[in-house]
Amino acid sequence: VKALGKIRIDAILSASVIEGSWCPVNQKLIQDIYDNPHKYA
């Protein structure tokens, strides 16, 4: 496992949620998505 820096969303060809996995939730990011939906439209 290593930090990959920034990856391009448009370069992701397919994705699937790994059920049963865990990583820390970025609460600041979630709050920003809720407060500023236009930024993520």
PDB file of all heavy atoms in Angstrom:
ATOM      1  N   VAL A   1       0.851  -1.191   0.000  1.00  0.00           N
ATOM      2  CA  VAL A   1       0.000   0.000   0.000  1.00  0.00           C
ATOM      3  C   VAL A   1       0.884   1.237   0.000  1.00  0.00           C
ATOM      4  O   VAL A   1       1.815   1.344   0.798  1.00  0.00           O
ATOM      5  CB  VAL A   1      -0.931   0.022   1.227  1.00  0.00           C
ATOM      6  CG1 VAL A   1      -1.769   1.306   1.241  1.00  0.00           C
ATOM      7  CG2 VAL A   1      -1.847  -1.192   1.238  1.00  0.00           C
ATOM      8  N   LYS A   2       0.591   2.165  -0.895  1.00  0.00           N
ATOM      9  CA  LYS A   2       1.336   3.423  -0.909  1.00  0.00           C
ATOM     10  C   LYS A   2       0.429   4.542  -1.410  1.00  0.00           C
ATOM     11  O   LYS A   2      -0.589   4.293  -2.077  1.00  0.00           O
ATOM     12  CB  LYS A   2       2.569   3.313  -1.804  1.00  0.00           C
ATOM     13  CG  LYS A   2       2.272   3.049  -3.270  1.00  0.00           C
ATOM     14  CD  LYS A   2       3.568   2.996  -4.080  1.00  0.00           C
ATOM     15  CE  LYS A   2       3.279   2.762  -5.559  1.00  0.00           C
ATOM     16  NZ  LYS A   2       4.529   2.722  -6.359  1.00  0.00           N
ATOM     17  N   ALA A   3       0.788   5.765  -1.068  1.00  0.00           N
ATOM     18  CA  ALA A   3       0.033   6.932  -1.524  1.00  0.00           C
ATOM     19  C   ALA A   3       0.295   7.136  -3.012  1.00  0.00           C
ATOM     20  O   ALA A   3       1.449   7.249  -3.433  1.00  0.00           O
ATOM     21  CB  ALA A   3       0.449   8.166  -0.727  1.00  0.00           C
ATOM     22  N   LEU A   4      -0.774   7.175  -3.807  1.00  0.00           N
ATOM     23  CA  LEU A   4      -0.627   7.331  -5.249  1.00  0.00           C
ATOM     24  C   LEU A   4      -0.742   8.782  -5.693  1.00  0.00           C
ATOM     25  O   LEU A   4      -0.678   9.071  -6.880  1.00  0.00           O
ATOM     26  CB  LEU A   4      -1.700   6.497  -5.974  1.00  0.00           C
ATOM     27  CG  LEU A   4      -1.621   4.985  -5.785  1.00  0.00           C
ATOM     28  CD1 LEU A   4      -2.730   4.301  -6.575  1.00  0.00           C
ATOM     29  CD2 LEU A   4      -0.264   4.451  -6.211  1.00  0.00           C
ATOM     30  N   GLY A   5      -0.915   9.689  -4.734  1.00  0.00           N
ATOM     31  CA  GLY A   5      -1.082  11.089  -5.127  1.00  0.00           C
ATOM     32  C   GLY A   5      -2.431  11.296  -5.771  1.00  0.00           C
ATOM     33  O   GLY A   5      -3.458  10.823  -5.280  1.00  0.00           O
ATOM     34  N   LYS A   6      -2.457  11.965  -6.905  1.00  0.00           N
ATOM     35  CA  LYS A   6      -3.724  12.253  -7.581  1.00  0.00           C
ATOM     36  C   LYS A   6      -3.893  11.357  -8.801  1.00  0.00           C
ATOM     37  O   LYS A   6      -2.984  11.238  -9.617  1.00  0.00           O
ATOM     38  CB  LYS A   6      -3.781  13.727  -7.991  1.00  0.00           C
ATOM     39  CG  LYS A   6      -3.785  14.685  -6.805  1.00  0.00           C
ATOM     40  CD  LYS A   6      -3.975  16.116  -7.268  1.00  0.00           C
ATOM     41  CE  LYS A   6      -3.985  17.083  -6.081  1.00  0.00           C
ATOM     42  NZ  LYS A   6      -5.125  16.851  -5.189  1.00  0.00           N
ATOM     43  N   ILE A   7      -5.061  10.745  -8.909  1.00  0.00           N
ATOM     44  CA  ILE A   7      -5.396   9.972 -10.097  1.00  0.00           C
ATOM     45  C   ILE A   7      -6.609  10.609 -10.763  1.00  0.00           C
ATOM     46  O   ILE A   7      -7.452  11.224 -10.107  1.00  0.00           O
ATOM     47  CB  ILE A   7      -5.664   8.487  -9.771  1.00  0.00           C
ATOM     48  CG1 ILE A   7      -6.920   8.350  -8.912  1.00  0.00           C
ATOM     49  CG2 ILE A   7      -4.467   7.865  -9.076  1.00  0.00           C
ATOM     50  CD1 ILE A   7      -7.354   6.899  -8.746  1.00  0.00           C
ATOM     51  N   ARG A   8      -6.699  10.467 -12.072  1.00  0.00           N
ATOM     52  CA  ARG A   8      -7.766  11.110 -12.841  1.00  0.00           C
ATOM     53  C   ARG A   8      -9.020  10.240 -12.837  1.00  0.00           C
ATOM     54  O   ARG A   8      -8.975   9.059 -13.180  1.00  0.00           O
ATOM     55  CB  ARG A   8      -7.298  11.353 -14.274  1.00  0.00           C
ATOM     56  CG  ARG A   8      -6.152  12.358 -14.388  1.00  0.00           C
ATOM     57  CD  ARG A   8      -5.600  12.441 -15.802  1.00  0.00           C
ATOM     58  NE  ARG A   8      -4.950  11.187 -16.199  1.00  0.00           N
ATOM     59  CZ  ARG A   8      -5.328  10.436 -17.221  1.00  0.00           C
ATOM     60  NH1 ARG A   8      -6.376  10.789 -17.959  1.00  0.00           N
ATOM     61  NH2 ARG A   8      -4.676   9.317 -17.523  1.00  0.00           N
ATOM     62  N   ILE A   9     -10.119  10.825 -12.453  1.00  0.00           N
ATOM     63  CA  ILE A   9     -11.387  10.096 -12.418  1.00  0.00           C
ATOM     64  C   ILE A   9     -11.766   9.627 -13.817  1.00  0.00           C
ATOM     65  O   ILE A   9     -12.257   8.504 -13.997  1.00  0.00           O
ATOM     66  CB  ILE A   9     -12.503  10.979 -11.809  1.00  0.00           C
ATOM     67  CG1 ILE A   9     -12.202  11.262 -10.334  1.00  0.00           C
ATOM     68  CG2 ILE A   9     -13.870  10.321 -11.966  1.00  0.00           C
ATOM     69  CD1 ILE A   9     -13.151  12.224  -9.676  1.00  0.00           C
ATOM     70  N   ASP A  10     -11.519  10.459 -14.822  1.00  0.00           N
ATOM     71  CA  ASP A  10     -11.914  10.108 -16.191  1.00  0.00           C
ATOM     72  C   ASP A  10     -11.070   8.982 -16.767  1.00  0.00           C
ATOM     73  O   ASP A  10     -11.420   8.416 -17.805  1.00  0.00           O
ATOM     74  CB  ASP A  10     -11.816  11.341 -17.096  1.00  0.00           C
ATOM     75  CG  ASP A  10     -12.809  12.422 -16.692  1.00  0.00           C
ATOM     76  OD1 ASP A  10     -13.890  12.063 -16.200  1.00  0.00           O
ATOM     77  OD2 ASP A  10     -12.487  13.617 -16.846  1.00  0.00           O
ATOM     78  N   ALA A  11      -9.958   8.634 -16.097  1.00  0.00           N
ATOM     79  CA  ALA A  11      -9.123   7.526 -16.559  1.00  0.00           C
ATOM     80  C   ALA A  11      -9.525   6.200 -15.908  1.00  0.00           C
ATOM     81  O   ALA A  11      -8.936   5.163 -16.217  1.00  0.00           O
ATOM     82  CB  ALA A  11      -7.655   7.817 -16.278  1.00  0.00           C
ATOM     83  N   ILE A  12     -10.515   6.241 -14.997  1.00  0.00           N
ATOM     84  CA  ILE A  12     -11.021   5.013 -14.382  1.00  0.00           C
ATOM     85  C   ILE A  12     -11.998   4.363 -15.364  1.00  0.00           C
ATOM     86  O   ILE A  12     -13.013   4.941 -15.734  1.00  0.00           O
ATOM     87  CB  ILE A  12     -11.719   5.308 -13.040  1.00  0.00           C
ATOM     88  CG1 ILE A  12     -10.722   5.919 -12.049  1.00  0.00           C
ATOM     89  CG2 ILE A  12     -12.331   4.034 -12.463  1.00  0.00           C
ATOM     90  CD1 ILE A  12     -11.352   6.330 -10.727  1.00  0.00           C
ATOM     91  N   LEU A  13     -11.672   3.163 -15.798  1.00  0.00           N
ATOM     92  CA  LEU A  13     -12.492   2.464 -16.794  1.00  0.00           C
ATOM     93  C   LEU A  13     -13.633   1.698 -16.154  1.00  0.00           C
ATOM     94  O   LEU A  13     -14.707   1.555 -16.748  1.00  0.00           O
ATOM     95  CB  LEU A  13     -11.614   1.497 -17.606  1.00  0.00           C
ATOM     96  CG  LEU A  13     -10.391   2.125 -18.293  1.00  0.00           C
ATOM     97  CD1 LEU A  13      -9.594   1.056 -19.023  1.00  0.00           C
ATOM     98  CD2 LEU A  13     -10.836   3.222 -19.265  1.00  0.00           C
ATOM     99  N   SER A  14     -13.423   1.174 -14.965  1.00  0.00           N
ATOM    100  CA  SER A  14     -14.474   0.479 -14.229  1.00  0.00           C
ATOM    101  C   SER A  14     -14.158   0.560 -12.752  1.00  0.00           C
ATOM    102  O   SER A  14     -12.995   0.734 -12.354  1.00  0.00           O
ATOM    103  CB  SER A  14     -14.581  -0.984 -14.676  1.00  0.00           C
ATOM    104  OG  SER A  14     -13.415  -1.706 -14.327  1.00  0.00           O
ATOM    105  N   ALA A  15     -15.191   0.445 -11.938  1.00  0.00           N
ATOM    106  CA  ALA A  15     -15.008   0.523 -10.487  1.00  0.00           C
ATOM    107  C   ALA A  15     -16.032  -0.368  -9.801  1.00  0.00           C
ATOM    108  O   ALA A  15     -17.133  -0.568 -10.317  1.00  0.00           O
ATOM    109  CB  ALA A  15     -15.141   1.966  -9.999  1.00  0.00           C
ATOM    110  N   SER A  16     -15.647  -0.887  -8.647  1.00  0.00           N
ATOM    111  CA  SER A  16     -16.555  -1.722  -7.859  1.00  0.00           C
ATOM    112  C   SER A  16     -16.209  -1.555  -6.389  1.00  0.00           C
ATOM    113  O   SER A  16     -15.033  -1.618  -6.011  1.00  0.00           O
ATOM    114  CB  SER A  16     -16.435  -3.192  -8.282  1.00  0.00           C
ATOM    115  OG  SER A  16     -17.328  -3.996  -7.548  1.00  0.00           O
ATOM    116  N   VAL A  17     -17.205  -1.330  -5.557  1.00  0.00           N
ATOM    117  CA  VAL A  17     -16.989  -1.188  -4.121  1.00  0.00           C
ATOM    118  C   VAL A  17     -16.584  -2.538  -3.529  1.00  0.00           C
ATOM    119  O   VAL A  17     -17.207  -3.560  -3.822  1.00  0.00           O
ATOM    120  CB  VAL A  17     -18.256  -0.659  -3.425  1.00  0.00           C
ATOM    121  CG1 VAL A  17     -18.080  -0.646  -1.911  1.00  0.00           C
ATOM    122  CG2 VAL A  17     -18.599   0.730  -3.923  1.00  0.00           C
ATOM    123  N   ILE A  18     -15.526  -2.550  -2.722  1.00  0.00           N
ATOM    124  CA  ILE A  18     -15.077  -3.771  -2.050  1.00  0.00           C
ATOM    125  C   ILE A  18     -15.898  -3.937  -0.782  1.00  0.00           C
ATOM    126  O   ILE A  18     -15.644  -3.305   0.241  1.00  0.00           O
ATOM    127  CB  ILE A  18     -13.574  -3.715  -1.700  1.00  0.00           C
ATOM    128  CG1 ILE A  18     -12.734  -3.413  -2.937  1.00  0.00           C
ATOM    129  CG2 ILE A  18     -13.133  -5.019  -1.051  1.00  0.00           C
ATOM    130  CD1 ILE A  18     -12.754  -4.484  -3.989  1.00  0.00           C
ATOM    131  N   GLU A  19     -16.944  -4.773  -0.863  1.00  0.00           N
ATOM    132  CA  GLU A  19     -17.778  -5.006   0.306  1.00  0.00           C
ATOM    133  C   GLU A  19     -16.951  -5.700   1.384  1.00  0.00           C
ATOM    134  O   GLU A  19     -16.204  -6.635   1.113  1.00  0.00           O
ATOM    135  CB  GLU A  19     -18.979  -5.868  -0.063  1.00  0.00           C
ATOM    136  CG  GLU A  19     -19.869  -5.284  -1.157  1.00  0.00           C
ATOM    137  CD  GLU A  19     -20.609  -4.025  -0.729  1.00  0.00           C
ATOM    138  OE1 GLU A  19     -20.576  -3.713   0.480  1.00  0.00           O
ATOM    139  OE2 GLU A  19     -21.208  -3.366  -1.587  1.00  0.00           O
ATOM    140  N   GLY A  20     -17.083  -5.231   2.624  1.00  0.00           N
ATOM    141  CA  GLY A  20     -16.317  -5.817   3.719  1.00  0.00           C
ATOM    142  C   GLY A  20     -14.970  -5.164   3.939  1.00  0.00           C
ATOM    143  O   GLY A  20     -14.193  -5.633   4.770  1.00  0.00           O
ATOM    144  N   SER A  21     -14.683  -4.084   3.196  1.00  0.00           N
ATOM    145  CA  SER A  21     -13.428  -3.348   3.401  1.00  0.00           C
ATOM    146  C   SER A  21     -13.697  -2.117   4.264  1.00  0.00           C
ATOM    147  O   SER A  21     -14.850  -1.721   4.466  1.00  0.00           O
ATOM    148  CB  SER A  21     -12.822  -2.939   2.059  1.00  0.00           C
ATOM    149  OG  SER A  21     -13.683  -2.031   1.373  1.00  0.00           O
ATOM    150  N   TRP A  22     -12.617  -1.491   4.762  1.00  0.00           N
ATOM    151  CA  TRP A  22     -12.760  -0.307   5.604  1.00  0.00           C
ATOM    152  C   TRP A  22     -11.596   0.632   5.370  1.00  0.00           C
ATOM    153  O   TRP A  22     -10.445   0.213   5.231  1.00  0.00           O
ATOM    154  CB  TRP A  22     -12.778  -0.689   7.088  1.00  0.00           C
ATOM    155  CG  TRP A  22     -12.919   0.490   8.009  1.00  0.00           C
ATOM    156  CD1 TRP A  22     -14.079   1.043   8.463  1.00  0.00           C
ATOM    157  CD2 TRP A  22     -11.861   1.290   8.579  1.00  0.00           C
ATOM    158  NE1 TRP A  22     -13.816   2.116   9.271  1.00  0.00           N
ATOM    159  CE2 TRP A  22     -12.466   2.291   9.360  1.00  0.00           C
ATOM    160  CE3 TRP A  22     -10.466   1.235   8.486  1.00  0.00           C
ATOM    161  CZ2 TRP A  22     -11.719   3.242  10.061  1.00  0.00           C
ATOM    162  CZ3 TRP A  22      -9.723   2.186   9.180  1.00  0.00           C
ATOM    163  CH2 TRP A  22     -10.351   3.174   9.961  1.00  0.00           C
ATOM    164  N   CYS A  23     -11.917   1.925   5.311  1.00  0.00           N
ATOM    165  CA  CYS A  23     -10.898   2.982   5.336  1.00  0.00           C
ATOM    166  C   CYS A  23     -11.504   4.191   6.038  1.00  0.00           C
ATOM    167  O   CYS A  23     -12.736   4.311   6.125  1.00  0.00           O
ATOM    168  CB  CYS A  23     -10.407   3.329   3.929  1.00  0.00           C
ATOM    169  SG  CYS A  23     -11.621   4.121   2.857  1.00  0.00           S
ATOM    170  N   PRO A  24     -10.684   5.105   6.560  1.00  0.00           N
ATOM    171  CA  PRO A  24     -11.234   6.257   7.291  1.00  0.00           C
ATOM    172  C   PRO A  24     -12.115   7.115   6.399  1.00  0.00           C
ATOM    173  O   PRO A  24     -11.835   7.319   5.219  1.00  0.00           O
ATOM    174  CB  PRO A  24      -9.976   7.023   7.733  1.00  0.00           C
ATOM    175  CG  PRO A  24      -8.867   6.031   7.664  1.00  0.00           C
ATOM    176  CD  PRO A  24      -9.211   5.093   6.554  1.00  0.00           C
ATOM    177  N   VAL A  25     -13.203   7.612   6.971  1.00  0.00           N
ATOM    178  CA  VAL A  25     -14.107   8.514   6.250  1.00  0.00           C
ATOM    179  C   VAL A  25     -13.615   9.947   6.424  1.00  0.00           C
ATOM    180  O   VAL A  25     -13.324  10.386   7.534  1.00  0.00           O
ATOM    181  CB  VAL A  25     -15.544   8.386   6.792  1.00  0.00           C
ATOM    182  CG1 VAL A  25     -16.454   9.441   6.162  1.00  0.00           C
ATOM    183  CG2 VAL A  25     -16.093   6.990   6.516  1.00  0.00           C
ATOM    184  N   ASN A  26     -13.507  10.664   5.300  1.00  0.00           N
ATOM    185  CA  ASN A  26     -13.112  12.075   5.336  1.00  0.00           C
ATOM    186  C   ASN A  26     -14.360  12.916   5.617  1.00  0.00           C
ATOM    187  O   ASN A  26     -15.083  13.304   4.700  1.00  0.00           O
ATOM    188  CB  ASN A  26     -12.471  12.465   3.993  1.00  0.00           C
ATOM    189  CG  ASN A  26     -11.921  13.878   3.995  1.00  0.00           C
ATOM    190  OD1 ASN A  26     -12.317  14.717   4.804  1.00  0.00           O
ATOM    191  ND2 ASN A  26     -11.001  14.167   3.083  1.00  0.00           N
ATOM    192  N   GLN A  27     -14.623  13.172   6.897  1.00  0.00           N
ATOM    193  CA  GLN A  27     -15.842  13.893   7.280  1.00  0.00           C
ATOM    194  C   GLN A  27     -15.867  15.315   6.722  1.00  0.00           C
ATOM    195  O   GLN A  27     -16.939  15.851   6.397  1.00  0.00           O
ATOM    196  CB  GLN A  27     -15.960  13.935   8.808  1.00  0.00           C
ATOM    197  CG  GLN A  27     -16.155  12.573   9.465  1.00  0.00           C
ATOM    198  CD  GLN A  27     -17.498  11.939   9.121  1.00  0.00           C
ATOM    199  OE1 GLN A  27     -18.391  12.587   8.571  1.00  0.00           O
ATOM    200  NE2 GLN A  27     -17.640  10.655   9.444  1.00  0.00           N
ATOM    201  N   LYS A  28     -14.704  15.931   6.595  1.00  0.00           N
ATOM    202  CA  LYS A  28     -14.643  17.286   6.038  1.00  0.00           C
ATOM    203  C   LYS A  28     -15.107  17.291   4.589  1.00  0.00           C
ATOM    204  O   LYS A  28     -15.837  18.188   4.151  1.00  0.00           O
ATOM    205  CB  LYS A  28     -13.208  17.823   6.140  1.00  0.00           C
ATOM    206  CG  LYS A  28     -13.055  19.267   5.695  1.00  0.00           C
ATOM    207  CD  LYS A  28     -11.619  19.740   5.895  1.00  0.00           C
ATOM    208  CE  LYS A  28     -11.451  21.191   5.427  1.00  0.00           C
ATOM    209  NZ  LYS A  28     -10.042  21.659   5.595  1.00  0.00           N
ATOM    210  N   LEU A  29     -14.716  16.267   3.821  1.00  0.00           N
ATOM    211  CA  LEU A  29     -15.131  16.159   2.425  1.00  0.00           C
ATOM    212  C   LEU A  29     -16.634  15.921   2.334  1.00  0.00           C
ATOM    213  O   LEU A  29     -17.321  16.550   1.511  1.00  0.00           O
ATOM    214  CB  LEU A  29     -14.371  15.024   1.746  1.00  0.00           C
ATOM    215  CG  LEU A  29     -14.820  14.643   0.327  1.00  0.00           C
ATOM    216  CD1 LEU A  29     -14.678  15.825  -0.631  1.00  0.00           C
ATOM    217  CD2 LEU A  29     -14.029  13.439  -0.178  1.00  0.00           C
ATOM    218  N   ILE A  30     -17.164  15.044   3.168  1.00  0.00           N
ATOM    219  CA  ILE A  30     -18.602  14.755   3.143  1.00  0.00           C
ATOM    220  C   ILE A  30     -19.403  16.008   3.463  1.00  0.00           C
ATOM    221  O   ILE A  30     -20.418  16.297   2.820  1.00  0.00           O
ATOM    222  CB  ILE A  30     -18.927  13.628   4.138  1.00  0.00           C
ATOM    223  CG1 ILE A  30     -18.347  12.307   3.635  1.00  0.00           C
ATOM    224  CG2 ILE A  30     -20.437  13.498   4.349  1.00  0.00           C
ATOM    225  CD1 ILE A  30     -18.564  11.150   4.573  1.00  0.00           C
ATOM    226  N   GLN A  31     -18.943  16.783   4.442  1.00  0.00           N
ATOM    227  CA  GLN A  31     -19.645  18.009   4.800  1.00  0.00           C
ATOM    228  C   GLN A  31     -19.607  19.024   3.662  1.00  0.00           C
ATOM    229  O   GLN A  31     -20.582  19.734   3.403  1.00  0.00           O
ATOM    230  CB  GLN A  31     -19.026  18.619   6.065  1.00  0.00           C
ATOM    231  CG  GLN A  31     -19.825  19.765   6.669  1.00  0.00           C
ATOM    232  CD  GLN A  31     -21.191  19.334   7.150  1.00  0.00           C
ATOM    233  OE1 GLN A  31     -21.334  18.285   7.764  1.00  0.00           O
ATOM    234  NE2 GLN A  31     -22.205  20.149   6.861  1.00  0.00           N
ATOM    235  N   ASP A  32     -18.470  19.063   2.949  1.00  0.00           N
ATOM    236  CA  ASP A  32     -18.345  19.994   1.826  1.00  0.00           C
ATOM    237  C   ASP A  32     -19.280  19.593   0.682  1.00  0.00           C
ATOM    238  O   ASP A  32     -19.869  20.454   0.030  1.00  0.00           O
ATOM    239  CB  ASP A  32     -16.898  20.035   1.335  1.00  0.00           C
ATOM    240  CG  ASP A  32     -16.617  21.221   0.431  1.00  0.00           C
ATOM    241  OD1 ASP A  32     -17.070  22.339   0.769  1.00  0.00           O
ATOM    242  OD2 ASP A  32     -15.986  21.037  -0.620  1.00  0.00           O
ATOM    243  N   ILE A  33     -19.422  18.288   0.439  1.00  0.00           N
ATOM    244  CA  ILE A  33     -20.353  17.820  -0.593  1.00  0.00           C
ATOM    245  C   ILE A  33     -21.778  18.210  -0.234  1.00  0.00           C
ATOM    246  O   ILE A  33     -22.575  18.609  -1.090  1.00  0.00           O
ATOM    247  CB  ILE A  33     -20.235  16.284  -0.760  1.00  0.00           C
ATOM    248  CG1 ILE A  33     -18.866  15.913  -1.333  1.00  0.00           C
ATOM    249  CG2 ILE A  33     -21.347  15.749  -1.661  1.00  0.00           C
ATOM    250  CD1 ILE A  33     -18.601  14.420  -1.359  1.00  0.00           C
ATOM    251  N   TYR A  34     -22.101  18.125   1.060  1.00  0.00           N
ATOM    252  CA  TYR A  34     -23.445  18.489   1.529  1.00  0.00           C
ATOM    253  C   TYR A  34     -23.683  19.995   1.459  1.00  0.00           C
ATOM    254  O   TYR A  34     -24.745  20.439   1.019  1.00  0.00           O
ATOM    255  CB  TYR A  34     -23.622  17.999   2.970  1.00  0.00           C
ATOM    256  CG  TYR A  34     -24.955  18.343   3.583  1.00  0.00           C
ATOM    257  CD1 TYR A  34     -26.090  17.589   3.306  1.00  0.00           C
ATOM    258  CD2 TYR A  34     -25.088  19.438   4.436  1.00  0.00           C
ATOM    259  CE1 TYR A  34     -27.316  17.903   3.860  1.00  0.00           C
ATOM    260  CE2 TYR A  34     -26.300  19.774   5.001  1.00  0.00           C
ATOM    261  CZ  TYR A  34     -27.419  18.999   4.708  1.00  0.00           C
ATOM    262  OH  TYR A  34     -28.635  19.319   5.251  1.00  0.00           O
ATOM    263  N   ASP A  35     -22.685  20.786   1.873  1.00  0.00           N
ATOM    264  CA  ASP A  35     -22.852  22.245   1.930  1.00  0.00           C
ATOM    265  C   ASP A  35     -22.745  22.911   0.563  1.00  0.00           C
ATOM    266  O   ASP A  35     -23.367  23.953   0.324  1.00  0.00           O
ATOM    267  CB  ASP A  35     -21.801  22.857   2.866  1.00  0.00           C
ATOM    268  CG  ASP A  35     -22.019  22.475   4.326  1.00  0.00           C
ATOM    269  OD1 ASP A  35     -23.158  22.132   4.675  1.00  0.00           O
ATOM    270  OD2 ASP A  35     -21.043  22.513   5.097  1.00  0.00           O
ATOM    271  N   ASN A  36     -21.941  22.338  -0.343  1.00  0.00           N
ATOM    272  CA  ASN A  36     -21.688  22.968  -1.645  1.00  0.00           C
ATOM    273  C   ASN A  36     -21.928  21.988  -2.790  1.00  0.00           C
ATOM    274  O   ASN A  36     -20.990  21.619  -3.506  1.00  0.00           O
ATOM    275  CB  ASN A  36     -20.248  23.490  -1.696  1.00  0.00           C
ATOM    276  CG  ASN A  36     -19.930  24.441  -0.553  1.00  0.00           C
ATOM    277  OD1 ASN A  36     -20.420  25.567  -0.522  1.00  0.00           O
ATOM    278  ND2 ASN A  36     -19.112  23.982   0.378  1.00  0.00           N
ATOM    279  N   PRO A  37     -23.168  21.548  -2.974  1.00  0.00           N
ATOM    280  CA  PRO A  37     -23.442  20.551  -4.017  1.00  0.00           C
ATOM    281  C   PRO A  37     -23.074  21.031  -5.418  1.00  0.00           C
ATOM    282  O   PRO A  37     -22.760  20.213  -6.293  1.00  0.00           O
ATOM    283  CB  PRO A  37     -24.950  20.300  -3.885  1.00  0.00           C
ATOM    284  CG  PRO A  37     -25.483  21.505  -3.161  1.00  0.00           C
ATOM    285  CD  PRO A  37     -24.391  21.943  -2.262  1.00  0.00           C
ATOM    286  N   HIS A  38     -23.090  22.365  -5.639  1.00  0.00           N
ATOM    287  CA  HIS A  38     -22.758  22.890  -6.965  1.00  0.00           C
ATOM    288  C   HIS A  38     -21.313  22.571  -7.355  1.00  0.00           C
ATOM    289  O   HIS A  38     -21.001  22.405  -8.540  1.00  0.00           O
ATOM    290  CB  HIS A  38     -22.988  24.405  -6.998  1.00  0.00           C
ATOM    291  CG  HIS A  38     -22.144  25.169  -6.010  1.00  0.00           C
ATOM    292  ND1 HIS A  38     -22.483  25.276  -4.673  1.00  0.00           N
ATOM    293  CD2 HIS A  38     -20.969  25.849  -6.170  1.00  0.00           C
ATOM    294  CE1 HIS A  38     -21.557  25.994  -4.050  1.00  0.00           C
ATOM    295  NE2 HIS A  38     -20.641  26.352  -4.924  1.00  0.00           N
ATOM    296  N   LYS A  39     -20.409  22.492  -6.363  1.00  0.00           N
ATOM    297  CA  LYS A  39     -19.004  22.185  -6.649  1.00  0.00           C
ATOM    298  C   LYS A  39     -18.835  20.775  -7.203  1.00  0.00           C
ATOM    299  O   LYS A  39     -17.900  20.495  -7.950  1.00  0.00           O
ATOM    300  CB  LYS A  39     -18.162  22.327  -5.378  1.00  0.00           C
ATOM    301  CG  LYS A  39     -17.922  23.755  -4.928  1.00  0.00           C
ATOM    302  CD  LYS A  39     -17.240  23.801  -3.577  1.00  0.00           C
ATOM    303  CE  LYS A  39     -15.966  22.964  -3.510  1.00  0.00           C
ATOM    304  NZ  LYS A  39     -15.301  23.088  -2.183  1.00  0.00           N
ATOM    305  N   TYR A  40     -19.748  19.890  -6.836  1.00  0.00           N
ATOM    306  CA  TYR A  40     -19.617  18.474  -7.199  1.00  0.00           C
ATOM    307  C   TYR A  40     -20.672  18.026  -8.206  1.00  0.00           C
ATOM    308  O   TYR A  40     -20.819  16.829  -8.454  1.00  0.00           O
ATOM    309  CB  TYR A  40     -19.712  17.620  -5.929  1.00  0.00           C
ATOM    310  CG  TYR A  40     -18.689  17.980  -4.883  1.00  0.00           C
ATOM    311  CD1 TYR A  40     -18.941  18.954  -3.924  1.00  0.00           C
ATOM    312  CD2 TYR A  40     -17.446  17.368  -4.864  1.00  0.00           C
ATOM    313  CE1 TYR A  40     -18.001  19.298  -2.974  1.00  0.00           C
ATOM    314  CE2 TYR A  40     -16.492  17.704  -3.919  1.00  0.00           C
ATOM    315  CZ  TYR A  40     -16.772  18.676  -2.967  1.00  0.00           C
ATOM    316  OH  TYR A  40     -15.827  19.018  -2.040  1.00  0.00           O
ATOM    317  N   ALA A  41     -21.382  19.016  -8.791  1.00  0.00           N
ATOM    318  CA  ALA A  41     -22.487  18.672  -9.685  1.00  0.00           C
ATOM    319  C   ALA A  41     -22.032  17.869 -10.901  1.00  0.00           C
ATOM    320  O   ALA A  41     -22.767  17.018 -11.406  1.00  0.00           O
ATOM    321  CB  ALA A  41     -23.203  19.948 -10.132  1.00  0.00           C
TER     322      ALA A  41
END
